[in-house]
Amino acid sequence: SFNFYVRDNLDQEGSTFQSTMVYIYPFKLSSHNFLINAY
């Protein structure tokens, strides 16, 4: 997923923009199950 925001930091002056990319990727090595997730 990819999200694009207007960011309002309540402890700073003004607003800015932020993007957040998130992914989850499961995979197998032989009979072993793994998963990678990141942002």
PDB file of all heavy atoms in Angstrom:
ATOM      1  N   SER A   1       0.832  -1.201   0.000  1.00  0.00           N
ATOM      2  CA  SER A   1       0.000   0.000   0.000  1.00  0.00           C
ATOM      3  C   SER A   1       0.867   1.251   0.000  1.00  0.00           C
ATOM      4  O   SER A   1       1.996   1.250   0.497  1.00  0.00           O
ATOM      5  CB  SER A   1      -0.943   0.015   1.206  1.00  0.00           C
ATOM      6  OG  SER A   1      -0.214   0.205   2.412  1.00  0.00           O
ATOM      7  N   PHE A   2       0.304   2.318  -0.564  1.00  0.00           N
ATOM      8  CA  PHE A   2       0.961   3.624  -0.599  1.00  0.00           C
ATOM      9  C   PHE A   2      -0.068   4.662  -0.173  1.00  0.00           C
ATOM     10  O   PHE A   2      -1.166   4.746  -0.742  1.00  0.00           O
ATOM     11  CB  PHE A   2       1.469   3.942  -2.002  1.00  0.00           C
ATOM     12  CG  PHE A   2       2.153   5.284  -2.100  1.00  0.00           C
ATOM     13  CD1 PHE A   2       3.490   5.426  -1.767  1.00  0.00           C
ATOM     14  CD2 PHE A   2       1.447   6.407  -2.515  1.00  0.00           C
ATOM     15  CE1 PHE A   2       4.122   6.659  -1.848  1.00  0.00           C
ATOM     16  CE2 PHE A   2       2.067   7.646  -2.596  1.00  0.00           C
ATOM     17  CZ  PHE A   2       3.406   7.775  -2.256  1.00  0.00           C
ATOM     18  N   ASN A   3       0.275   5.449   0.858  1.00  0.00           N
ATOM     19  CA  ASN A   3      -0.619   6.479   1.389  1.00  0.00           C
ATOM     20  C   ASN A   3       0.065   7.837   1.320  1.00  0.00           C
ATOM     21  O   ASN A   3       1.264   7.956   1.608  1.00  0.00           O
ATOM     22  CB  ASN A   3      -0.982   6.164   2.844  1.00  0.00           C
ATOM     23  CG  ASN A   3      -1.636   4.804   2.994  1.00  0.00           C
ATOM     24  OD1 ASN A   3      -2.820   4.647   2.748  1.00  0.00           O
ATOM     25  ND2 ASN A   3      -0.855   3.808   3.388  1.00  0.00           N
ATOM     26  N   PHE A   4      -0.702   8.852   0.935  1.00  0.00           N
ATOM     27  CA  PHE A   4      -0.168  10.214   0.855  1.00  0.00           C
ATOM     28  C   PHE A   4      -1.032  11.119   1.725  1.00  0.00           C
ATOM     29  O   PHE A   4      -2.264  11.161   1.569  1.00  0.00           O
ATOM     30  CB  PHE A   4      -0.165  10.717  -0.588  1.00  0.00           C
ATOM     31  CG  PHE A   4       0.625  11.984  -0.764  1.00  0.00           C
ATOM     32  CD1 PHE A   4       2.002  11.953  -0.858  1.00  0.00           C
ATOM     33  CD2 PHE A   4      -0.013  13.210  -0.822  1.00  0.00           C
ATOM     34  CE1 PHE A   4       2.740  13.111  -1.017  1.00  0.00           C
ATOM     35  CE2 PHE A   4       0.703  14.383  -0.968  1.00  0.00           C
ATOM     36  CZ  PHE A   4       2.092  14.336  -1.067  1.00  0.00           C
ATOM     37  N   TYR A   5      -0.383  11.841   2.658  1.00  0.00           N
ATOM     38  CA  TYR A   5      -1.099  12.597   3.675  1.00  0.00           C
ATOM     39  C   TYR A   5      -0.745  14.083   3.649  1.00  0.00           C
ATOM     40  O   TYR A   5       0.356  14.470   3.250  1.00  0.00           O
ATOM     41  CB  TYR A   5      -0.726  12.109   5.081  1.00  0.00           C
ATOM     42  CG  TYR A   5      -0.915  10.656   5.378  1.00  0.00           C
ATOM     43  CD1 TYR A   5       0.158   9.769   5.287  1.00  0.00           C
ATOM     44  CD2 TYR A   5      -2.143  10.161   5.806  1.00  0.00           C
ATOM     45  CE1 TYR A   5       0.004   8.428   5.608  1.00  0.00           C
ATOM     46  CE2 TYR A   5      -2.300   8.826   6.126  1.00  0.00           C
ATOM     47  CZ  TYR A   5      -1.223   7.961   6.024  1.00  0.00           C
ATOM     48  OH  TYR A   5      -1.373   6.633   6.343  1.00  0.00           O
ATOM     49  N   VAL A   6      -1.680  14.878   4.160  1.00  0.00           N
ATOM     50  CA  VAL A   6      -1.360  16.212   4.675  1.00  0.00           C
ATOM     51  C   VAL A   6      -1.057  16.028   6.155  1.00  0.00           C
ATOM     52  O   VAL A   6      -1.880  15.501   6.904  1.00  0.00           O
ATOM     53  CB  VAL A   6      -2.523  17.202   4.479  1.00  0.00           C
ATOM     54  CG1 VAL A   6      -2.199  18.534   5.149  1.00  0.00           C
ATOM     55  CG2 VAL A   6      -2.806  17.408   3.001  1.00  0.00           C
ATOM     56  N   ARG A   7       0.134  16.449   6.568  1.00  0.00           N
ATOM     57  CA  ARG A   7       0.612  16.202   7.926  1.00  0.00           C
ATOM     58  C   ARG A   7       0.553  17.475   8.748  1.00  0.00           C
ATOM     59  O   ARG A   7       1.149  18.500   8.389  1.00  0.00           O
ATOM     60  CB  ARG A   7       2.050  15.684   7.886  1.00  0.00           C
ATOM     61  CG  ARG A   7       2.702  15.512   9.246  1.00  0.00           C
ATOM     62  CD  ARG A   7       4.174  15.099   9.112  1.00  0.00           C
ATOM     63  NE  ARG A   7       4.817  15.076  10.416  1.00  0.00           N
ATOM     64  CZ  ARG A   7       4.828  14.031  11.219  1.00  0.00           C
ATOM     65  NH1 ARG A   7       4.234  12.896  10.834  1.00  0.00           N
ATOM     66  NH2 ARG A   7       5.418  14.074  12.399  1.00  0.00           N
ATOM     67  N   ASP A   8      -0.178  17.429   9.861  1.00  0.00           N
ATOM     68  CA  ASP A   8      -0.294  18.570  10.768  1.00  0.00           C
ATOM     69  C   ASP A   8       0.340  18.185  12.099  1.00  0.00           C
ATOM     70  O   ASP A   8      -0.238  17.428  12.885  1.00  0.00           O
ATOM     71  CB  ASP A   8      -1.761  18.955  10.958  1.00  0.00           C
ATOM     72  CG  ASP A   8      -1.935  20.155  11.884  1.00  0.00           C
ATOM     73  OD1 ASP A   8      -0.937  20.869  12.126  1.00  0.00           O
ATOM     74  OD2 ASP A   8      -3.066  20.376  12.361  1.00  0.00           O
ATOM     75  N   ASN A   9       1.542  18.677  12.343  1.00  0.00           N
ATOM     76  CA  ASN A   9       2.229  18.446  13.611  1.00  0.00           C
ATOM     77  C   ASN A   9       1.740  19.481  14.615  1.00  0.00           C
ATOM     78  O   ASN A   9       1.993  20.677  14.462  1.00  0.00           O
ATOM     79  CB  ASN A   9       3.748  18.556  13.407  1.00  0.00           C
ATOM     80  CG  ASN A   9       4.531  18.093  14.631  1.00  0.00           C
ATOM     81  OD1 ASN A   9       4.091  18.270  15.763  1.00  0.00           O
ATOM     82  ND2 ASN A   9       5.690  17.507  14.393  1.00  0.00           N
ATOM     83  N   LEU A  10       1.038  19.041  15.637  1.00  0.00           N
ATOM     84  CA  LEU A  10       0.423  19.959  16.596  1.00  0.00           C
ATOM     85  C   LEU A  10       1.442  20.675  17.465  1.00  0.00           C
ATOM     86  O   LEU A  10       1.099  21.663  18.127  1.00  0.00           O
ATOM     87  CB  LEU A  10      -0.563  19.195  17.483  1.00  0.00           C
ATOM     88  CG  LEU A  10      -1.674  18.426  16.757  1.00  0.00           C
ATOM     89  CD1 LEU A  10      -2.610  17.786  17.767  1.00  0.00           C
ATOM     90  CD2 LEU A  10      -2.442  19.311  15.810  1.00  0.00           C
ATOM     91  N   ASP A  11       2.684  20.202  17.478  1.00  0.00           N
ATOM     92  CA  ASP A  11       3.722  20.820  18.291  1.00  0.00           C
ATOM     93  C   ASP A  11       4.709  21.639  17.461  1.00  0.00           C
ATOM     94  O   ASP A  11       5.737  22.078  17.966  1.00  0.00           O
ATOM     95  CB  ASP A  11       4.480  19.743  19.079  1.00  0.00           C
ATOM     96  CG  ASP A  11       3.542  18.933  19.954  1.00  0.00           C
ATOM     97  OD1 ASP A  11       2.876  19.542  20.808  1.00  0.00           O
ATOM     98  OD2 ASP A  11       3.454  17.713  19.765  1.00  0.00           O
ATOM     99  N   GLN A  12       4.403  21.821  16.161  1.00  0.00           N
ATOM    100  CA  GLN A  12       5.226  22.635  15.283  1.00  0.00           C
ATOM    101  C   GLN A  12       4.321  23.582  14.500  1.00  0.00           C
ATOM    102  O   GLN A  12       3.107  23.363  14.404  1.00  0.00           O
ATOM    103  CB  GLN A  12       6.017  21.765  14.295  1.00  0.00           C
ATOM    104  CG  GLN A  12       6.890  20.712  14.938  1.00  0.00           C
ATOM    105  CD  GLN A  12       8.153  21.295  15.542  1.00  0.00           C
ATOM    106  OE1 GLN A  12       8.421  22.482  15.409  1.00  0.00           O
ATOM    107  NE2 GLN A  12       8.931  20.458  16.208  1.00  0.00           N
ATOM    108  N   GLU A  13       4.904  24.628  13.917  1.00  0.00           N
ATOM    109  CA  GLU A  13       4.128  25.565  13.107  1.00  0.00           C
ATOM    110  C   GLU A  13       3.974  25.033  11.681  1.00  0.00           C
ATOM    111  O   GLU A  13       4.900  24.459  11.123  1.00  0.00           O
ATOM    112  CB  GLU A  13       4.809  26.935  13.075  1.00  0.00           C
ATOM    113  CG  GLU A  13       4.838  27.648  14.421  1.00  0.00           C
ATOM    114  CD  GLU A  13       5.436  29.043  14.316  1.00  0.00           C
ATOM    115  OE1 GLU A  13       5.742  29.460  13.186  1.00  0.00           O
ATOM    116  OE2 GLU A  13       5.606  29.688  15.365  1.00  0.00           O
ATOM    117  N   GLY A  14       2.772  25.255  11.111  1.00  0.00           N
ATOM    118  CA  GLY A  14       2.542  24.908   9.719  1.00  0.00           C
ATOM    119  C   GLY A  14       2.247  23.437   9.501  1.00  0.00           C
ATOM    120  O   GLY A  14       2.271  22.621  10.426  1.00  0.00           O
ATOM    121  N   SER A  15       1.949  23.113   8.232  1.00  0.00           N
ATOM    122  CA  SER A  15       1.657  21.743   7.819  1.00  0.00           C
ATOM    123  C   SER A  15       2.587  21.353   6.678  1.00  0.00           C
ATOM    124  O   SER A  15       3.174  22.207   6.011  1.00  0.00           O
ATOM    125  CB  SER A  15       0.198  21.609   7.364  1.00  0.00           C
ATOM    126  OG  SER A  15      -0.694  21.926   8.410  1.00  0.00           O
ATOM    127  N   THR A  16       2.693  20.058   6.437  1.00  0.00           N
ATOM    128  CA  THR A  16       3.540  19.576   5.362  1.00  0.00           C
ATOM    129  C   THR A  16       2.916  18.300   4.794  1.00  0.00           C
ATOM    130  O   THR A  16       1.752  17.991   5.078  1.00  0.00           O
ATOM    131  CB  THR A  16       4.970  19.311   5.870  1.00  0.00           C
ATOM    132  OG1 THR A  16       5.786  18.927   4.768  1.00  0.00           O
ATOM    133  CG2 THR A  16       4.995  18.224   6.925  1.00  0.00           C
ATOM    134  N   PHE A  17       3.654  17.574   3.967  1.00  0.00           N
ATOM    135  CA  PHE A  17       3.155  16.356   3.336  1.00  0.00           C
ATOM    136  C   PHE A  17       4.006  15.162   3.769  1.00  0.00           C
ATOM    137  O   PHE A  17       5.193  15.294   4.064  1.00  0.00           O
ATOM    138  CB  PHE A  17       3.191  16.477   1.809  1.00  0.00           C
ATOM    139  CG  PHE A  17       2.321  17.567   1.265  1.00  0.00           C
ATOM    140  CD1 PHE A  17       2.879  18.778   0.880  1.00  0.00           C
ATOM    141  CD2 PHE A  17       0.953  17.399   1.147  1.00  0.00           C
ATOM    142  CE1 PHE A  17       2.091  19.791   0.382  1.00  0.00           C
ATOM    143  CE2 PHE A  17       0.150  18.409   0.653  1.00  0.00           C
ATOM    144  CZ  PHE A  17       0.721  19.611   0.272  1.00  0.00           C
ATOM    145  N   GLN A  18       3.356  14.004   3.789  1.00  0.00           N
ATOM    146  CA  GLN A  18       4.066  12.768   4.130  1.00  0.00           C
ATOM    147  C   GLN A  18       3.510  11.623   3.297  1.00  0.00           C
ATOM    148  O   GLN A  18       2.312  11.550   3.035  1.00  0.00           O
ATOM    149  CB  GLN A  18       3.912  12.433   5.621  1.00  0.00           C
ATOM    150  CG  GLN A  18       4.534  11.088   6.015  1.00  0.00           C
ATOM    151  CD  GLN A  18       4.423  10.782   7.485  1.00  0.00           C
ATOM    152  OE1 GLN A  18       4.537  11.678   8.337  1.00  0.00           O
ATOM    153  NE2 GLN A  18       4.208   9.517   7.836  1.00  0.00           N
ATOM    154  N   SER A  19       4.388  10.736   2.873  1.00  0.00           N
ATOM    155  CA  SER A  19       3.964   9.497   2.223  1.00  0.00           C
ATOM    156  C   SER A  19       4.413   8.314   3.066  1.00  0.00           C
ATOM    157  O   SER A  19       5.453   8.373   3.736  1.00  0.00           O
ATOM    158  CB  SER A  19       4.544   9.382   0.809  1.00  0.00           C
ATOM    159  OG  SER A  19       5.951   9.249   0.846  1.00  0.00           O
ATOM    160  N   THR A  20       3.626   7.254   3.040  1.00  0.00           N
ATOM    161  CA  THR A  20       3.942   6.037   3.776  1.00  0.00           C
ATOM    162  C   THR A  20       3.700   4.830   2.877  1.00  0.00           C
ATOM    163  O   THR A  20       2.587   4.656   2.363  1.00  0.00           O
ATOM    164  CB  THR A  20       3.092   5.901   5.049  1.00  0.00           C
ATOM    165  OG1 THR A  20       3.370   6.997   5.923  1.00  0.00           O
ATOM    166  CG2 THR A  20       3.407   4.600   5.780  1.00  0.00           C
ATOM    167  N   MET A  21       4.738   4.053   2.654  1.00  0.00           N
ATOM    168  CA  MET A  21       4.621   2.802   1.902  1.00  0.00           C
ATOM    169  C   MET A  21       4.758   1.639   2.876  1.00  0.00           C
ATOM    170  O   MET A  21       5.653   1.641   3.731  1.00  0.00           O
ATOM    171  CB  MET A  21       5.695   2.710   0.822  1.00  0.00           C
ATOM    172  CG  MET A  21       5.597   1.446  -0.019  1.00  0.00           C
ATOM    173  SD  MET A  21       6.934   1.313  -1.234  1.00  0.00           S
ATOM    174  CE  MET A  21       8.311   0.924  -0.149  1.00  0.00           C
ATOM    175  N   VAL A  22       3.870   0.653   2.742  1.00  0.00           N
ATOM    176  CA  VAL A  22       3.874  -0.515   3.630  1.00  0.00           C
ATOM    177  C   VAL A  22       3.766  -1.770   2.771  1.00  0.00           C
ATOM    178  O   VAL A  22       2.999  -1.797   1.796  1.00  0.00           O
ATOM    179  CB  VAL A  22       2.691  -0.467   4.620  1.00  0.00           C
ATOM    180  CG1 VAL A  22       2.704  -1.693   5.532  1.00  0.00           C
ATOM    181  CG2 VAL A  22       2.726   0.810   5.444  1.00  0.00           C
ATOM    182  N   TYR A  23       4.547  -2.798   3.131  1.00  0.00           N
ATOM    183  CA  TYR A  23       4.382  -4.063   2.411  1.00  0.00           C
ATOM    184  C   TYR A  23       4.583  -5.242   3.355  1.00  0.00           C
ATOM    185  O   TYR A  23       5.294  -5.153   4.364  1.00  0.00           O
ATOM    186  CB  TYR A  23       5.320  -4.168   1.215  1.00  0.00           C
ATOM    187  CG  TYR A  23       6.794  -4.257   1.531  1.00  0.00           C
ATOM    188  CD1 TYR A  23       7.388  -5.480   1.859  1.00  0.00           C
ATOM    189  CD2 TYR A  23       7.610  -3.125   1.491  1.00  0.00           C
ATOM    190  CE1 TYR A  23       8.735  -5.577   2.136  1.00  0.00           C
ATOM    191  CE2 TYR A  23       8.956  -3.211   1.768  1.00  0.00           C
ATOM    192  CZ  TYR A  23       9.516  -4.441   2.088  1.00  0.00           C
ATOM    193  OH  TYR A  23      10.861  -4.522   2.369  1.00  0.00           O
ATOM    194  N   ILE A  24       3.926  -6.354   3.002  1.00  0.00           N
ATOM    195  CA  ILE A  24       4.067  -7.628   3.706  1.00  0.00           C
ATOM    196  C   ILE A  24       4.312  -8.697   2.653  1.00  0.00           C
ATOM    197  O   ILE A  24       3.524  -8.844   1.706  1.00  0.00           O
ATOM    198  CB  ILE A  24       2.804  -7.975   4.518  1.00  0.00           C
ATOM    199  CG1 ILE A  24       2.523  -6.898   5.570  1.00  0.00           C
ATOM    200  CG2 ILE A  24       2.954  -9.337   5.199  1.00  0.00           C
ATOM    201  CD1 ILE A  24       1.222  -7.119   6.334  1.00  0.00           C
ATOM    202  N   TYR A  25       5.410  -9.430   2.800  1.00  0.00           N
ATOM    203  CA  TYR A  25       5.792 -10.417   1.795  1.00  0.00           C
ATOM    204  C   TYR A  25       6.113 -11.752   2.477  1.00  0.00           C
ATOM    205  O   TYR A  25       7.154 -11.887   3.112  1.00  0.00           O
ATOM    206  CB  TYR A  25       7.006  -9.930   1.012  1.00  0.00           C
ATOM    207  CG  TYR A  25       7.411 -10.853  -0.129  1.00  0.00           C
ATOM    208  CD1 TYR A  25       6.698 -10.848  -1.320  1.00  0.00           C
ATOM    209  CD2 TYR A  25       8.485 -11.727   0.015  1.00  0.00           C
ATOM    210  CE1 TYR A  25       7.054 -11.682  -2.355  1.00  0.00           C
ATOM    211  CE2 TYR A  25       8.850 -12.578  -1.023  1.00  0.00           C
ATOM    212  CZ  TYR A  25       8.126 -12.548  -2.202  1.00  0.00           C
ATOM    213  OH  TYR A  25       8.482 -13.391  -3.239  1.00  0.00           O
ATOM    214  N   PRO A  26       5.222 -12.752   2.347  1.00  0.00           N
ATOM    215  CA  PRO A  26       5.514 -14.082   2.899  1.00  0.00           C
ATOM    216  C   PRO A  26       6.264 -14.932   1.862  1.00  0.00           C
ATOM    217  O   PRO A  26       6.064 -14.793   0.655  1.00  0.00           O
ATOM    218  CB  PRO A  26       4.119 -14.650   3.167  1.00  0.00           C
ATOM    219  CG  PRO A  26       3.244 -13.983   2.143  1.00  0.00           C
ATOM    220  CD  PRO A  26       3.847 -12.630   1.863  1.00  0.00           C
ATOM    221  N   PHE A  27       7.131 -15.816   2.345  1.00  0.00           N
ATOM    222  CA  PHE A  27       7.845 -16.704   1.420  1.00  0.00           C
ATOM    223  C   PHE A  27       8.282 -17.957   2.179  1.00  0.00           C
ATOM    224  O   PHE A  27       8.271 -18.002   3.413  1.00  0.00           O
ATOM    225  CB  PHE A  27       9.047 -16.000   0.790  1.00  0.00           C
ATOM    226  CG  PHE A  27      10.122 -15.587   1.754  1.00  0.00           C
ATOM    227  CD1 PHE A  27      11.236 -16.379   1.968  1.00  0.00           C
ATOM    228  CD2 PHE A  27      10.009 -14.391   2.460  1.00  0.00           C
ATOM    229  CE1 PHE A  27      12.231 -16.000   2.857  1.00  0.00           C
ATOM    230  CE2 PHE A  27      11.000 -14.002   3.351  1.00  0.00           C
ATOM    231  CZ  PHE A  27      12.118 -14.807   3.559  1.00  0.00           C
ATOM    232  N   LYS A  28       8.693 -18.968   1.403  1.00  0.00           N
ATOM    233  CA  LYS A  28       9.118 -20.234   1.977  1.00  0.00           C
ATOM    234  C   LYS A  28      10.519 -20.571   1.497  1.00  0.00           C
ATOM    235  O   LYS A  28      10.881 -20.304   0.349  1.00  0.00           O
ATOM    236  CB  LYS A  28       8.160 -21.363   1.573  1.00  0.00           C
ATOM    237  CG  LYS A  28       6.749 -21.222   2.129  1.00  0.00           C
ATOM    238  CD  LYS A  28       5.888 -22.436   1.784  1.00  0.00           C
ATOM    239  CE  LYS A  28       6.374 -23.670   2.520  1.00  0.00           C
ATOM    240  NZ  LYS A  28       5.441 -24.827   2.332  1.00  0.00           N
ATOM    241  N   LEU A  29      11.313 -21.157   2.388  1.00  0.00           N
ATOM    242  CA  LEU A  29      12.602 -21.745   2.052  1.00  0.00           C
ATOM    243  C   LEU A  29      12.546 -23.194   2.493  1.00  0.00           C
ATOM    244  O   LEU A  29      12.478 -23.475   3.694  1.00  0.00           O
ATOM    245  CB  LEU A  29      13.745 -21.009   2.745  1.00  0.00           C
ATOM    246  CG  LEU A  29      14.035 -19.576   2.276  1.00  0.00           C
ATOM    247  CD1 LEU A  29      15.146 -18.952   3.113  1.00  0.00           C
ATOM    248  CD2 LEU A  29      14.410 -19.548   0.795  1.00  0.00           C
ATOM    249  N   SER A  30      12.515 -24.063   1.515  1.00  0.00           N
ATOM    250  CA  SER A  30      12.308 -25.479   1.793  1.00  0.00           C
ATOM    251  C   SER A  30      10.950 -25.633   2.483  1.00  0.00           C
ATOM    252  O   SER A  30       9.931 -25.188   1.961  1.00  0.00           O
ATOM    253  CB  SER A  30      13.455 -26.026   2.652  1.00  0.00           C
ATOM    254  OG  SER A  30      13.303 -27.414   2.867  1.00  0.00           O
ATOM    255  N   SER A  31      10.905 -26.199   3.668  1.00  0.00           N
ATOM    256  CA  SER A  31       9.629 -26.356   4.384  1.00  0.00           C
ATOM    257  C   SER A  31       9.437 -25.293   5.465  1.00  0.00           C
ATOM    258  O   SER A  31       8.535 -25.405   6.284  1.00  0.00           O
ATOM    259  CB  SER A  31       9.574 -27.742   5.030  1.00  0.00           C
ATOM    260  OG  SER A  31      10.658 -27.913   5.950  1.00  0.00           O
ATOM    261  N   HIS A  32      10.270 -24.251   5.449  1.00  0.00           N
ATOM    262  CA  HIS A  32      10.226 -23.222   6.485  1.00  0.00           C
ATOM    263  C   HIS A  32       9.508 -21.973   5.953  1.00  0.00           C
ATOM    264  O   HIS A  32       9.748 -21.531   4.828  1.00  0.00           O
ATOM    265  CB  HIS A  32      11.643 -22.854   6.933  1.00  0.00           C
ATOM    266  CG  HIS A  32      12.431 -24.016   7.443  1.00  0.00           C
ATOM    267  ND1 HIS A  32      12.232 -24.558   8.692  1.00  0.00           N
ATOM    268  CD2 HIS A  32      13.414 -24.754   6.862  1.00  0.00           C
ATOM    269  CE1 HIS A  32      13.055 -25.576   8.873  1.00  0.00           C
ATOM    270  NE2 HIS A  32      13.791 -25.713   7.777  1.00  0.00           N
ATOM    271  N   ASN A  33       8.629 -21.435   6.790  1.00  0.00           N
ATOM    272  CA  ASN A  33       7.836 -20.268   6.417  1.00  0.00           C
ATOM    273  C   ASN A  33       8.419 -19.000   7.031  1.00  0.00           C
ATOM    274  O   ASN A  33       8.700 -18.943   8.233  1.00  0.00           O
ATOM    275  CB  ASN A  33       6.389 -20.441   6.879  1.00  0.00           C
ATOM    276  CG  ASN A  33       5.700 -21.585   6.173  1.00  0.00           C
ATOM    277  OD1 ASN A  33       5.736 -21.681   4.946  1.00  0.00           O
ATOM    278  ND2 ASN A  33       5.066 -22.463   6.938  1.00  0.00           N
ATOM    279  N   PHE A  34       8.553 -17.959   6.187  1.00  0.00           N
ATOM    280  CA  PHE A  34       9.067 -16.666   6.608  1.00  0.00           C
ATOM    281  C   PHE A  34       8.113 -15.561   6.166  1.00  0.00           C
ATOM    282  O   PHE A  34       7.246 -15.773   5.312  1.00  0.00           O
ATOM    283  CB  PHE A  34      10.451 -16.396   5.993  1.00  0.00           C
ATOM    284  CG  PHE A  34      11.524 -17.340   6.422  1.00  0.00           C
ATOM    285  CD1 PHE A  34      11.721 -18.548   5.762  1.00  0.00           C
ATOM    286  CD2 PHE A  34      12.350 -17.026   7.489  1.00  0.00           C
ATOM    287  CE1 PHE A  34      12.716 -19.427   6.159  1.00  0.00           C
ATOM    288  CE2 PHE A  34      13.352 -17.896   7.901  1.00  0.00           C
ATOM    289  CZ  PHE A  34      13.527 -19.096   7.228  1.00  0.00           C
ATOM    290  N   LEU A  35       8.322 -14.399   6.742  1.00  0.00           N
ATOM    291  CA  LEU A  35       7.539 -13.225   6.348  1.00  0.00           C
ATOM    292  C   LEU A  35       8.381 -11.968   6.584  1.00  0.00           C
ATOM    293  O   LEU A  35       9.016 -11.833   7.634  1.00  0.00           O
ATOM    294  CB  LEU A  35       6.228 -13.146   7.132  1.00  0.00           C
ATOM    295  CG  LEU A  35       5.277 -11.993   6.802  1.00  0.00           C
ATOM    296  CD1 LEU A  35       3.822 -12.447   6.905  1.00  0.00           C
ATOM    297  CD2 LEU A  35       5.496 -10.800   7.750  1.00  0.00           C
ATOM    298  N   ILE A  36       8.394 -11.077   5.592  1.00  0.00           N
ATOM    299  CA  ILE A  36       9.051  -9.785   5.723  1.00  0.00           C
ATOM    300  C   ILE A  36       7.975  -8.707   5.695  1.00  0.00           C
ATOM    301  O   ILE A  36       7.109  -8.706   4.816  1.00  0.00           O
ATOM    302  CB  ILE A  36      10.051  -9.531   4.578  1.00  0.00           C
ATOM    303  CG1 ILE A  36      11.188 -10.549   4.626  1.00  0.00           C
ATOM    304  CG2 ILE A  36      10.626  -8.118   4.663  1.00  0.00           C
ATOM    305  CD1 ILE A  36      12.149 -10.426   3.457  1.00  0.00           C
ATOM    306  N   ASN A  37       8.001  -7.803   6.658  1.00  0.00           N
ATOM    307  CA  ASN A  37       7.111  -6.642   6.606  1.00  0.00           C
ATOM    308  C   ASN A  37       7.929  -5.385   6.889  1.00  0.00           C
ATOM    309  O   ASN A  37       8.913  -5.421   7.636  1.00  0.00           O
ATOM    310  CB  ASN A  37       5.943  -6.773   7.584  1.00  0.00           C
ATOM    311  CG  ASN A  37       6.375  -6.762   9.026  1.00  0.00           C
ATOM    312  OD1 ASN A  37       6.842  -7.780   9.548  1.00  0.00           O
ATOM    313  ND2 ASN A  37       6.229  -5.631   9.690  1.00  0.00           N
ATOM    314  N   ALA A  38       7.539  -4.281   6.257  1.00  0.00           N
ATOM    315  CA  ALA A  38       8.321  -3.053   6.367  1.00  0.00           C
ATOM    316  C   ALA A  38       7.446  -1.853   6.062  1.00  0.00           C
ATOM    317  O   ALA A  38       6.364  -1.972   5.462  1.00  0.00           O
ATOM    318  CB  ALA A  38       9.514  -3.087   5.401  1.00  0.00           C
ATOM    319  N   TYR A  39       7.937  -0.680   6.481  1.00  0.00           N
ATOM    320  CA  TYR A  39       7.315   0.583   6.105  1.00  0.00           C
ATOM    321  C   TYR A  39       8.410   1.589   5.781  1.00  0.00           C
ATOM    322  O   TYR A  39       9.552   1.476   6.255  1.00  0.00           O
ATOM    323  CB  TYR A  39       6.401   1.119   7.219  1.00  0.00           C
ATOM    324  CG  TYR A  39       7.156   1.727   8.383  1.00  0.00           C
ATOM    325  CD1 TYR A  39       7.564   3.066   8.383  1.00  0.00           C
ATOM    326  CD2 TYR A  39       7.475   0.953   9.506  1.00  0.00           C
ATOM    327  CE1 TYR A  39       8.262   3.606   9.442  1.00  0.00           C
ATOM    328  CE2 TYR A  39       8.166   1.492  10.566  1.00  0.00           C
ATOM    329  CZ  TYR A  39       8.559   2.822  10.527  1.00  0.00           C
ATOM    330  OH  TYR A  39       9.266   3.357  11.570  1.00  0.00           O
TER     331      TYR A  39
END
